[in-house]
Protein backbone atom coordinates (compact mmCIF):
# COMPACT_ATOMS: atom_id res chain seq x y z
CA UNK A 1 13.72 -15.15 -1.88
CA UNK A 2 15.07 -17.45 -4.56
CA UNK A 3 13.03 -15.64 -7.21
CA UNK A 4 14.47 -12.29 -6.17
CA UNK A 5 18.04 -13.62 -6.18
CA UNK A 6 17.57 -15.11 -9.64
CA UNK A 7 16.04 -11.85 -10.93
CA UNK A 8 18.93 -9.75 -9.64
CA UNK A 9 21.49 -12.17 -11.02
CA UNK A 10 19.72 -12.17 -14.39
CA UNK A 11 19.60 -8.38 -14.51
CA UNK A 12 23.31 -8.14 -13.77
CA UNK A 13 24.10 -10.80 -16.34
CA UNK A 14 21.98 -9.04 -18.96
CA UNK A 15 23.64 -5.70 -18.33
CA UNK A 16 27.03 -7.38 -18.56
CA UNK A 17 26.12 -8.96 -21.90
CA UNK A 18 24.95 -5.61 -23.28
CA UNK A 19 28.10 -3.86 -22.10
CA UNK A 20 30.25 -6.60 -23.62
CA UNK A 21 28.51 -6.06 -26.96
CA UNK A 22 29.12 -2.30 -26.80
CA UNK A 23 25.60 -1.20 -25.85
CA UNK A 24 24.51 2.19 -24.61
CA UNK A 25 22.64 2.88 -21.34
CA UNK A 26 19.22 1.99 -22.74
CA UNK A 27 20.62 -1.25 -24.15
CA UNK A 28 21.95 -2.11 -20.71
CA UNK A 29 18.52 -1.43 -19.21
CA UNK A 30 16.68 -3.46 -21.84
CA UNK A 31 18.98 -6.46 -21.59
CA UNK A 32 18.91 -6.25 -17.80
CA UNK A 33 15.12 -6.18 -17.73
CA UNK A 34 14.73 -9.04 -20.19
CA UNK A 35 17.29 -11.27 -18.50
CA UNK A 36 15.90 -10.34 -15.08
CA UNK A 37 12.38 -11.41 -16.06
CA UNK A 38 13.59 -14.62 -17.66
CA UNK A 39 15.67 -15.56 -14.63
CA UNK A 40 12.80 -14.64 -12.27
CA UNK A 41 10.56 -17.12 -14.08
CA UNK A 42 13.30 -19.72 -13.84
CA UNK A 43 13.63 -18.95 -10.12
CA UNK A 44 9.88 -19.37 -9.72
CA UNK A 45 10.08 -22.86 -11.18
CA UNK A 46 13.01 -23.70 -8.90
CA UNK A 47 11.05 -22.46 -5.87
CA UNK A 48 8.01 -24.57 -6.77
CA UNK A 49 10.22 -27.57 -7.42
CA UNK A 50 11.95 -27.22 -4.04
CA UNK A 51 8.74 -26.55 -2.10
CA UNK A 52 7.13 -29.69 -3.48
CA UNK A 53 10.14 -31.70 -2.37
CA UNK A 54 10.71 -33.47 -5.64
């Protein structure tokens, strides 16, 4: 669940960044996808960290 939350947050953040820079629809999608994947990987590490109890 953490991974999904991070991915959604990343996608929204990426779309916001693209819109702030004056991007078109495809720019919004590309930034959203890239940020979403990056944040999903970060969320995966957080999940593993929390499940190991470190």
